Structures are given as C-alpha cells and as structure tokens.
C-alpha cells in the first residue's frame, strides 16, 4: 500500500506533496542516537531525506491503515512483510 506525505518548512505557507510513498523512517546512528532526518521510501525504489526539525509533516490516512495492519498482525502473533 502506498500513501501520500505532505511537508512544509516551519513558517512557510506552501506544502510540498510526495506521492507513492511505501514506507518511512528516521535515521539512527549505531549508538541509538536519532538524527533529525525523516526518510521517505518511494515506489520507484528511490528515497528522500528531509530534515525533521525544520519541517512539519502530514500523512494520508493510508499510512494509518498500513501501520494498523502491521500492529494487528503483530498482536495476532503473525509475521508481516
């Protein structure tokens, strides 16, 4: 399932839209320190890295349903891909 992510720089009026996102995460160092970078994985197998502390993010409802499916499967004791 893919979803859409909108983001804008703090203080800006204009949103940027990224479509066909199939996953996202943040960058973590080997010592468990989270870097301020949101990573979006796109359907064409490319990725975008956007600074988290300088931007506001909005995710489409499909992201919620995708995450809920994984949580429900984990609760049921099933593995998901």
PDB file of N, CA and C in Angstrom:
ATOM      1  N   UNK A   1       0.846  -1.175   0.000  1.00  0.00           N
ATOM      2  CA  UNK A   1       0.000   0.000   0.000  1.00  0.00           C
ATOM      3  C   UNK A   1       0.895   1.241   0.000  1.00  0.00           C
ATOM      4  N   UNK A   2       0.554   2.206  -0.819  1.00  0.00           N
ATOM      5  CA  UNK A   2       1.298   3.458  -0.836  1.00  0.00           C
ATOM      6  C   UNK A   2       0.434   4.572  -0.252  1.00  0.00           C
ATOM      7  N   UNK A   3       1.092   5.633   0.145  1.00  0.00           N
ATOM      8  CA  UNK A   3       0.393   6.771   0.727  1.00  0.00           C
ATOM      9  C   UNK A   3       1.081   8.060   0.308  1.00  0.00           C
ATOM     10  N   UNK A   4       0.499   9.170   0.711  1.00  0.00           N
ATOM     11  CA  UNK A   4       0.999  10.491   0.355  1.00  0.00           C
ATOM     12  C   UNK A   4       1.508  11.195   1.601  1.00  0.00           C
ATOM     13  N   UNK A   5       2.602  11.923   1.449  1.00  0.00           N
ATOM     14  CA  UNK A   5       3.160  12.720   2.539  1.00  0.00           C
ATOM     15  C   UNK A   5       3.237  14.170   2.072  1.00  0.00           C
ATOM     16  N   UNK A   6       2.735  15.055   2.904  1.00  0.00           N
ATOM     17  CA  UNK A   6       2.882  16.489   2.654  1.00  0.00           C
ATOM     18  C   UNK A   6       3.835  17.038   3.712  1.00  0.00           C
ATOM     19  N   UNK A   7       4.679  17.968   3.308  1.00  0.00           N
ATOM     20  CA  UNK A   7       5.572  18.598   4.263  1.00  0.00           C
ATOM     21  C   UNK A   7       5.786  20.051   3.874  1.00  0.00           C
ATOM     22  N   UNK A   8       6.075  20.856   4.882  1.00  0.00           N
ATOM     23  CA  UNK A   8       6.399  22.262   4.641  1.00  0.00           C
ATOM     24  C   UNK A   8       7.408  22.726   5.676  1.00  0.00           C
ATOM     25  N   UNK A   9       8.179  23.691   5.296  1.00  0.00           N
ATOM     26  CA  UNK A   9       9.150  24.271   6.207  1.00  0.00           C
ATOM     27  C   UNK A   9       8.402  25.084   7.257  1.00  0.00           C
ATOM     28  N   UNK A  10       8.886  25.066   8.493  1.00  0.00           N
ATOM     29  CA  UNK A  10       8.258  25.845   9.548  1.00  0.00           C
ATOM     30  C   UNK A  10       8.158  27.307   9.132  1.00  0.00           C
ATOM     31  N   UNK A  11       6.996  27.900   9.305  1.00  0.00           N
ATOM     32  CA  UNK A  11       6.778  29.291   8.940  1.00  0.00           C
ATOM     33  C   UNK A  11       6.355  29.505   7.502  1.00  0.00           C
ATOM     34  N   UNK A  12       6.390  28.465   6.697  1.00  0.00           N
ATOM     35  CA  UNK A  12       6.016  28.585   5.292  1.00  0.00           C
ATOM     36  C   UNK A  12       4.520  28.311   5.130  1.00  0.00           C
ATOM     37  N   UNK A  13       3.931  28.892   4.110  1.00  0.00           N
ATOM     38  CA  UNK A  13       2.526  28.656   3.802  1.00  0.00           C
ATOM     39  C   UNK A  13       2.356  27.515   2.808  1.00  0.00           C
ATOM     40  N   UNK A  14       3.403  27.143   2.110  1.00  0.00           N
ATOM     41  CA  UNK A  14       3.301  26.226   0.980  1.00  0.00           C
ATOM     42  C   UNK A  14       3.697  24.797   1.359  1.00  0.00           C
ATOM     43  N   UNK A  15       2.833  23.859   1.003  1.00  0.00           N
ATOM     44  CA  UNK A  15       3.078  22.442   1.246  1.00  0.00           C
ATOM     45  C   UNK A  15       3.669  21.803   0.000  1.00  0.00           C
ATOM     46  N   UNK A  16       4.576  20.853   0.199  1.00  0.00           N
ATOM     47  CA  UNK A  16       5.102  20.005  -0.871  1.00  0.00           C
ATOM     48  C   UNK A  16       4.429  18.645  -0.707  1.00  0.00           C
ATOM     49  N   UNK A  17       4.091  18.007  -1.798  1.00  0.00           N
ATOM     50  CA  UNK A  17       3.410  16.713  -1.749  1.00  0.00           C
ATOM     51  C   UNK A  17       4.287  15.646  -2.396  1.00  0.00           C
ATOM     52  N   UNK A  18       4.446  14.531  -1.693  1.00  0.00           N
ATOM     53  CA  UNK A  18       5.183  13.382  -2.217  1.00  0.00           C
ATOM     54  C   UNK A  18       4.191  12.226  -2.301  1.00  0.00           C
ATOM     55  N   UNK A  19       3.972  11.720  -3.502  1.00  0.00           N
ATOM     56  CA  UNK A  19       3.040  10.617  -3.715  1.00  0.00           C
ATOM     57  C   UNK A  19       3.809   9.304  -3.853  1.00  0.00           C
ATOM     58  N   UNK A  20       3.075   8.217  -3.752  1.00  0.00           N
ATOM     59  CA  UNK A  20       3.624   6.871  -3.949  1.00  0.00           C
ATOM     60  C   UNK A  20       4.709   6.521  -2.931  1.00  0.00           C
ATOM     61  N   UNK A  21       4.505   6.918  -1.690  1.00  0.00           N
ATOM     62  CA  UNK A  21       5.418   6.562  -0.595  1.00  0.00           C
ATOM     63  C   UNK A  21       4.965   5.210  -0.055  1.00  0.00           C
ATOM     64  N   UNK A  22       5.889   4.254   0.074  1.00  0.00           N
ATOM     65  CA  UNK A  22       5.505   2.948   0.608  1.00  0.00           C
ATOM     66  C   UNK A  22       6.102   2.683   1.982  1.00  0.00           C
ATOM     67  N   UNK A  23       6.884   3.614   2.497  1.00  0.00           N
ATOM     68  CA  UNK A  23       7.433   3.461   3.836  1.00  0.00           C
ATOM     69  C   UNK A  23       8.192   4.697   4.238  1.00  0.00           C
ATOM     70  N   UNK A  24       8.362   4.858   5.542  1.00  0.00           N
ATOM     71  CA  UNK A  24       9.157   5.973   6.038  1.00  0.00           C
ATOM     72  C   UNK A  24       9.771   5.594   7.379  1.00  0.00           C
ATOM     73  N   UNK A  25      10.839   6.276   7.700  1.00  0.00           N
ATOM     74  CA  UNK A  25      11.540   6.027   8.957  1.00  0.00           C
ATOM     75  C   UNK A  25      12.368   7.258   9.277  1.00  0.00           C
ATOM     76  N   UNK A  26      13.221   7.138  10.251  1.00  0.00           N
ATOM     77  CA  UNK A  26      14.189   8.173  10.577  1.00  0.00           C
ATOM     78  C   UNK A  26      15.556   7.523  10.623  1.00  0.00           C
ATOM     79  N   UNK A  27      16.582   8.320  10.539  1.00  0.00           N
ATOM     80  CA  UNK A  27      17.948   7.790  10.555  1.00  0.00           C
ATOM     81  C   UNK A  27      18.432   7.707  11.995  1.00  0.00           C
ATOM     82  N   UNK A  28      18.995   6.550  12.345  1.00  0.00           N
ATOM     83  CA  UNK A  28      19.503   6.306  13.688  1.00  0.00           C
ATOM     84  C   UNK A  28      20.966   5.877  13.582  1.00  0.00           C
ATOM     85  N   UNK A  29      21.798   6.396  14.443  1.00  0.00           N
ATOM     86  CA  UNK A  29      23.210   6.014  14.429  1.00  0.00           C
ATOM     87  C   UNK A  29      23.377   4.658  15.093  1.00  0.00           C
ATOM     88  N   UNK A  30      24.587   4.091  15.006  1.00  0.00           N
ATOM     89  CA  UNK A  30      24.854   2.791  15.614  1.00  0.00           C
ATOM     90  C   UNK A  30      24.793   2.849  17.141  1.00  0.00           C
ATOM     91  N   UNK A  31      24.806   4.045  17.720  1.00  0.00           N
ATOM     92  CA  UNK A  31      24.715   4.180  19.177  1.00  0.00           C
ATOM     93  C   UNK A  31      23.294   4.503  19.618  1.00  0.00           C
ATOM     94  N   UNK A  32      22.336   4.396  18.693  1.00  0.00           N
ATOM     95  CA  UNK A  32      20.941   4.613  19.039  1.00  0.00           C
ATOM     96  C   UNK A  32      20.516   6.068  19.066  1.00  0.00           C
ATOM     97  N   UNK A  33      21.357   6.957  18.586  1.00  0.00           N
ATOM     98  CA  UNK A  33      21.015   8.376  18.554  1.00  0.00           C
ATOM     99  C   UNK A  33      20.214   8.646  17.282  1.00  0.00           C
ATOM    100  N   UNK A  34      19.068   9.260  17.453  1.00  0.00           N
ATOM    101  CA  UNK A  34      18.220   9.564  16.295  1.00  0.00           C
ATOM    102  C   UNK A  34      18.665  10.878  15.690  1.00  0.00           C
ATOM    103  N   UNK A  35      19.000  10.839  14.405  1.00  0.00           N
ATOM    104  CA  UNK A  35      19.333  12.059  13.690  1.00  0.00           C
ATOM    105  C   UNK A  35      18.035  12.720  13.242  1.00  0.00           C
ATOM    106  N   UNK A  36      18.055  13.992  13.081  1.00  0.00           N
ATOM    107  CA  UNK A  36      16.846  14.741  12.735  1.00  0.00           C
ATOM    108  C   UNK A  36      16.574  14.669  11.238  1.00  0.00           C
ATOM    109  N   UNK A  37      16.367  13.461  10.735  1.00  0.00           N
ATOM    110  CA  UNK A  37      16.165  13.273   9.301  1.00  0.00           C
ATOM    111  C   UNK A  37      15.041  12.261   9.084  1.00  0.00           C
ATOM    112  N   UNK A  38      13.972  12.663   8.405  1.00  0.00           N
ATOM    113  CA  UNK A  38      12.885  11.754   8.034  1.00  0.00           C
ATOM    114  C   UNK A  38      13.211  11.197   6.659  1.00  0.00           C
ATOM    115  N   UNK A  39      13.126   9.888   6.502  1.00  0.00           N
ATOM    116  CA  UNK A  39      13.433   9.228   5.238  1.00  0.00           C
ATOM    117  C   UNK A  39      12.135   8.658   4.669  1.00  0.00           C
ATOM    118  N   UNK A  40      11.842   9.019   3.420  1.00  0.00           N
ATOM    119  CA  UNK A  40      10.667   8.507   2.725  1.00  0.00           C
ATOM    120  C   UNK A  40      11.133   7.540   1.642  1.00  0.00           C
ATOM    121  N   UNK A  41      10.558   6.341   1.612  1.00  0.00           N
ATOM    122  CA  UNK A  41      10.878   5.349   0.592  1.00  0.00           C
ATOM    123  C   UNK A  41       9.774   5.383  -0.458  1.00  0.00           C
ATOM    124  N   UNK A  42      10.165   5.623  -1.695  1.00  0.00           N
ATOM    125  CA  UNK A  42       9.203   5.786  -2.774  1.00  0.00           C
ATOM    126  C   UNK A  42       9.048   4.512  -3.584  1.00  0.00           C
ATOM    127  N   UNK A  43       7.910   4.416  -4.263  1.00  0.00           N
ATOM    128  CA  UNK A  43       7.585   3.216  -5.025  1.00  0.00           C
ATOM    129  C   UNK A  43       8.601   2.922  -6.122  1.00  0.00           C
ATOM    130  N   UNK A  44       9.246   3.955  -6.666  1.00  0.00           N
ATOM    131  CA  UNK A  44      10.245   3.746  -7.723  1.00  0.00           C
ATOM    132  C   UNK A  44      11.613   3.335  -7.156  1.00  0.00           C
ATOM    133  N   UNK A  45      11.637   2.960  -5.879  1.00  0.00           N
ATOM    134  CA  UNK A  45      12.817   2.483  -5.157  1.00  0.00           C
ATOM    135  C   UNK A  45      13.825   3.600  -4.843  1.00  0.00           C
ATOM    136  N   UNK A  46      13.416   4.839  -4.986  1.00  0.00           N
ATOM    137  CA  UNK A  46      14.267   5.952  -4.564  1.00  0.00           C
ATOM    138  C   UNK A  46      13.870   6.355  -3.143  1.00  0.00           C
ATOM    139  N   UNK A  47      14.602   7.273  -2.574  1.00  0.00           N
ATOM    140  CA  UNK A  47      14.275   7.733  -1.229  1.00  0.00           C
ATOM    141  C   UNK A  47      14.550   9.224  -1.115  1.00  0.00           C
ATOM    142  N   UNK A  48      13.829   9.853  -0.201  1.00  0.00           N
ATOM    143  CA  UNK A  48      14.020  11.276   0.087  1.00  0.00           C
ATOM    144  C   UNK A  48      14.385  11.402   1.553  1.00  0.00           C
ATOM    145  N   UNK A  49      15.312  12.300   1.850  1.00  0.00           N
ATOM    146  CA  UNK A  49      15.675  12.589   3.232  1.00  0.00           C
ATOM    147  C   UNK A  49      15.347  14.049   3.497  1.00  0.00           C
ATOM    148  N   UNK A  50      14.500  14.295   4.492  1.00  0.00           N
ATOM    149  CA  UNK A  50      14.030  15.639   4.802  1.00  0.00           C
ATOM    150  C   UNK A  50      14.323  15.922   6.267  1.00  0.00           C
ATOM    151  N   UNK A  51      14.957  17.064   6.574  1.00  0.00           N
ATOM    152  CA  UNK A  51      15.242  17.395   7.977  1.00  0.00           C
ATOM    153  C   UNK A  51      13.948  17.494   8.795  1.00  0.00           C
ATOM    154  N   UNK A  52      13.870  16.780   9.915  1.00  0.00           N
ATOM    155  CA  UNK A  52      12.646  16.750  10.715  1.00  0.00           C
ATOM    156  C   UNK A  52      12.431  18.030  11.510  1.00  0.00           C
ATOM    157  N   UNK A  53      13.464  18.621  12.054  1.00  0.00           N
ATOM    158  CA  UNK A  53      13.290  19.770  12.942  1.00  0.00           C
ATOM    159  C   UNK A  53      13.000  21.062  12.194  1.00  0.00           C
ATOM    160  N   UNK A  54      13.083  21.057  10.892  1.00  0.00           N
ATOM    161  CA  UNK A  54      12.798  22.250  10.110  1.00  0.00           C
ATOM    162  C   UNK A  54      11.488  22.149   9.343  1.00  0.00           C
ATOM    163  N   UNK A  55      10.799  21.016   9.455  1.00  0.00           N
ATOM    164  CA  UNK A  55       9.602  20.788   8.643  1.00  0.00           C
ATOM    165  C   UNK A  55       8.453  20.220   9.471  1.00  0.00           C
ATOM    166  N   UNK A  56       7.248  20.443   8.975  1.00  0.00           N
ATOM    167  CA  UNK A  56       6.032  19.856   9.518  1.00  0.00           C
ATOM    168  C   UNK A  56       5.573  18.814   8.505  1.00  0.00           C
ATOM    169  N   UNK A  57       5.148  17.643   8.985  1.00  0.00           N
ATOM    170  CA  UNK A  57       4.739  16.552   8.103  1.00  0.00           C
ATOM    171  C   UNK A  57       3.266  16.222   8.304  1.00  0.00           C
ATOM    172  N   UNK A  58       2.580  15.887   7.216  1.00  0.00           N
ATOM    173  CA  UNK A  58       1.205  15.386   7.251  1.00  0.00           C
ATOM    174  C   UNK A  58       1.160  14.121   6.398  1.00  0.00           C
ATOM    175  N   UNK A  59       0.543  13.075   6.953  1.00  0.00           N
ATOM    176  CA  UNK A  59       0.473  11.789   6.260  1.00  0.00           C
ATOM    177  C   UNK A  59      -0.981  11.493   5.898  1.00  0.00           C
ATOM    178  N   UNK A  60      -1.195  10.865   4.759  1.00  0.00           N
ATOM    179  CA  UNK A  60      -2.548  10.491   4.356  1.00  0.00           C
ATOM    180  C   UNK A  60      -3.049   9.339   5.224  1.00  0.00           C
ATOM    181  N   UNK A  61      -4.354   9.117   5.185  1.00  0.00           N
ATOM    182  CA  UNK A  61      -4.967   8.077   6.019  1.00  0.00           C
ATOM    183  C   UNK A  61      -4.478   6.679   5.666  1.00  0.00           C
ATOM    184  N   UNK A  62      -3.992   6.474   4.447  1.00  0.00           N
ATOM    185  CA  UNK A  62      -3.487   5.150   4.058  1.00  0.00           C
ATOM    186  C   UNK A  62      -2.308   4.720   4.917  1.00  0.00           C
ATOM    187  N   UNK A  63      -1.514   5.681   5.384  1.00  0.00           N
ATOM    188  CA  UNK A  63      -0.389   5.336   6.268  1.00  0.00           C
ATOM    189  C   UNK A  63      -0.908   4.756   7.575  1.00  0.00           C
ATOM    190  N   UNK A  64      -1.960   5.338   8.113  1.00  0.00           N
ATOM    191  CA  UNK A  64      -2.555   4.835   9.349  1.00  0.00           C
ATOM    192  C   UNK A  64      -3.004   3.385   9.166  1.00  0.00           C
ATOM    193  N   UNK A  65      -3.720   3.107   8.065  1.00  0.00           N
ATOM    194  CA  UNK A  65      -4.229   1.754   7.837  1.00  0.00           C
ATOM    195  C   UNK A  65      -3.093   0.760   7.602  1.00  0.00           C
ATOM    196  N   UNK A  66      -2.022   1.207   6.951  1.00  0.00           N
ATOM    197  CA  UNK A  66      -0.866   0.342   6.735  1.00  0.00           C
ATOM    198  C   UNK A  66      -0.209  -0.009   8.066  1.00  0.00           C
ATOM    199  N   UNK A  67      -0.045   0.973   8.938  1.00  0.00           N
ATOM    200  CA  UNK A  67       0.557   0.724  10.249  1.00  0.00           C
ATOM    201  C   UNK A  67      -0.367  -0.123  11.124  1.00  0.00           C
ATOM    202  N   UNK A  68      -1.667   0.134  11.061  1.00  0.00           N
ATOM    203  CA  UNK A  68      -2.630  -0.627  11.852  1.00  0.00           C
ATOM    204  C   UNK A  68      -2.609  -2.102  11.458  1.00  0.00           C
ATOM    205  N   UNK A  69      -2.486  -2.362  10.160  1.00  0.00           N
ATOM    206  CA  UNK A  69      -2.417  -3.749   9.676  1.00  0.00           C
ATOM    207  C   UNK A  69      -1.214  -4.461  10.310  1.00  0.00           C
ATOM    208  N   UNK A  70      -0.062  -3.789  10.360  1.00  0.00           N
ATOM    209  CA  UNK A  70       1.137  -4.389  10.955  1.00  0.00           C
ATOM    210  C   UNK A  70       0.970  -4.627  12.453  1.00  0.00           C
ATOM    211  N   UNK A  71       0.382  -3.667  13.146  1.00  0.00           N
ATOM    212  CA  UNK A  71       0.168  -3.807  14.589  1.00  0.00           C
ATOM    213  C   UNK A  71      -0.815  -4.939  14.870  1.00  0.00           C
ATOM    214  N   UNK A  72      -1.903  -4.995  14.100  1.00  0.00           N
ATOM    215  CA  UNK A  72      -2.883  -6.071  14.293  1.00  0.00           C
ATOM    216  C   UNK A  72      -2.252  -7.440  14.055  1.00  0.00           C
ATOM    217  N   UNK A  73      -1.414  -7.550  13.038  1.00  0.00           N
ATOM    218  CA  UNK A  73      -0.747  -8.821  12.750  1.00  0.00           C
ATOM    219  C   UNK A  73       0.219  -9.190  13.869  1.00  0.00           C
ATOM    220  N   UNK A  74       0.907  -8.199  14.403  1.00  0.00           N
ATOM    221  CA  UNK A  74       1.841  -8.466  15.500  1.00  0.00           C
ATOM    222  C   UNK A  74       1.091  -8.930  16.742  1.00  0.00           C
ATOM    223  N   UNK A  75      -0.017  -8.300  17.015  1.00  0.00           N
ATOM    224  CA  UNK A  75      -0.829  -8.705  18.169  1.00  0.00           C
ATOM    225  C   UNK A  75      -1.343 -10.113  17.981  1.00  0.00           C
ATOM    226  N   UNK A  76      -1.724 -10.446  16.773  1.00  0.00           N
ATOM    227  CA  UNK A  76      -2.237 -11.796  16.487  1.00  0.00           C
ATOM    228  C   UNK A  76      -1.125 -12.837  16.438  1.00  0.00           C
ATOM    229  N   UNK A  77       0.133 -12.393  16.533  1.00  0.00           N
ATOM    230  CA  UNK A  77       1.245 -13.329  16.519  1.00  0.00           C
ATOM    231  C   UNK A  77       1.700 -13.751  15.132  1.00  0.00           C
ATOM    232  N   UNK A  78       1.296 -12.986  14.130  1.00  0.00           N
ATOM    233  CA  UNK A  78       1.680 -13.293  12.751  1.00  0.00           C
ATOM    234  C   UNK A  78       2.827 -12.389  12.335  1.00  0.00           C
ATOM    235  N   UNK A  79       3.630 -12.881  11.432  1.00  0.00           N
ATOM    236  CA  UNK A  79       4.692 -12.065  10.842  1.00  0.00           C
ATOM    237  C   UNK A  79       4.159 -11.427   9.566  1.00  0.00           C
ATOM    238  N   UNK A  80       4.565 -10.138   9.311  1.00  0.00           N
ATOM    239  CA  UNK A  80       4.184  -9.476   8.079  1.00  0.00           C
ATOM    240  C   UNK A  80       5.431  -9.099   7.312  1.00  0.00           C
ATOM    241  N   UNK A  81       5.264  -8.865   6.033  1.00  0.00           N
ATOM    242  CA  UNK A  81       6.404  -8.446   5.193  1.00  0.00           C
ATOM    243  C   UNK A  81       6.543  -6.964   5.233  1.00  0.00           C
TER     244      UNK A  81
END
